[in-house]
Amino acid sequence: MIVLERPIYKEVKTDMELLAAALSQVRVRVETESELGVDIIVDYGGLVKSYTPEFVEIQDTYYSHKIHKFIA
């Protein structure tokens, strides 16, 4: 019997987690919460190029920590 396990995703919140994602070159998905409280995927992901306390750069786009979630 073959058992397929679902991948485990984790929200990346701290600077240390963002650094680990950047160094290990993990694809990070970007989500935002809708007015109905449902998470909407904004970007299906890419590598973290840089980050500051306010923004995360994934590929060539900057996303705000205040309105986005980062999922690795």
Protein backbone atom coordinates (compact mmCIF):
# COMPACT_ATOMS: atom_id res chain seq x y z
CA MET A 1 0.00 0.00 0.00
CA ILE A 2 1.38 3.40 -0.97
CA VAL A 3 0.74 6.22 1.45
CA LEU A 4 1.10 9.73 0.09
CA GLU A 5 1.88 12.29 2.72
CA ARG A 6 0.73 15.86 2.36
CA PRO A 7 3.49 18.42 2.35
CA ILE A 8 3.91 20.39 5.54
CA TYR A 9 3.69 24.14 5.15
CA LYS A 10 4.70 26.67 7.75
CA GLU A 11 4.13 30.38 8.01
CA VAL A 12 7.46 32.21 7.91
CA LYS A 13 7.25 35.15 10.32
CA THR A 14 10.56 36.00 11.97
CA ASP A 15 13.76 37.40 10.49
CA MET A 16 15.50 34.14 11.38
CA GLU A 17 12.89 32.08 9.50
CA LEU A 18 13.16 34.40 6.47
CA LEU A 19 16.95 34.08 6.56
CA ALA A 20 16.67 30.28 6.72
CA ALA A 21 14.25 30.28 3.77
CA ALA A 22 16.56 32.55 1.77
CA LEU A 23 19.70 30.53 2.51
CA SER A 24 18.06 27.16 1.84
CA GLN A 25 16.40 28.55 -1.30
CA VAL A 26 12.94 27.37 -0.33
CA ARG A 27 10.03 28.59 -2.45
CA VAL A 28 7.85 30.93 -0.39
CA ARG A 29 4.18 31.47 -1.25
CA VAL A 30 2.56 34.85 -0.55
CA GLU A 31 -0.99 35.07 0.83
CA THR A 32 -3.28 37.80 2.08
CA GLU A 33 -6.52 37.63 4.04
CA SER A 34 -9.70 38.67 2.24
CA GLU A 35 -12.49 40.72 3.80
CA LEU A 36 -14.31 37.43 4.44
CA GLY A 37 -11.39 36.06 6.47
CA VAL A 38 -10.25 33.62 3.77
CA ASP A 39 -6.57 33.43 2.77
CA ILE A 40 -6.02 34.29 -0.89
CA ILE A 41 -2.83 33.35 -2.73
CA VAL A 42 -1.22 36.51 -4.13
CA ASP A 43 1.88 34.84 -5.57
CA TYR A 44 2.51 31.11 -5.93
CA GLY A 45 6.01 31.65 -4.74
CA GLY A 46 9.61 32.14 -5.40
CA LEU A 47 12.87 32.59 -3.60
CA VAL A 48 13.36 35.26 -0.95
CA LYS A 49 15.85 37.76 -2.39
CA SER A 50 15.87 40.18 0.54
CA TYR A 51 13.85 41.29 3.53
CA THR A 52 13.54 44.19 5.93
CA PRO A 53 11.33 44.66 9.00
CA GLU A 54 8.67 46.08 6.65
CA PHE A 55 9.01 44.21 3.34
CA VAL A 56 10.01 40.88 1.82
CA GLU A 57 11.33 40.75 -1.74
CA ILE A 58 10.36 37.60 -3.61
CA GLN A 59 11.62 37.48 -7.17
CA ASP A 60 11.32 41.17 -8.17
CA THR A 61 8.26 42.11 -6.11
CA TYR A 62 8.10 43.58 -2.60
CA TYR A 63 5.40 42.40 -0.19
CA SER A 64 4.46 44.07 3.10
CA HIS A 65 4.66 42.17 6.38
CA LYS A 66 1.54 44.04 7.51
CA ILE A 67 -0.84 42.65 4.88
CA HIS A 68 0.82 39.46 3.64
CA LYS A 69 1.60 36.00 5.00
CA PHE A 70 4.63 34.07 3.81
CA ILE A 71 4.27 30.29 3.59
CA ALA A 72 7.21 27.90 3.07
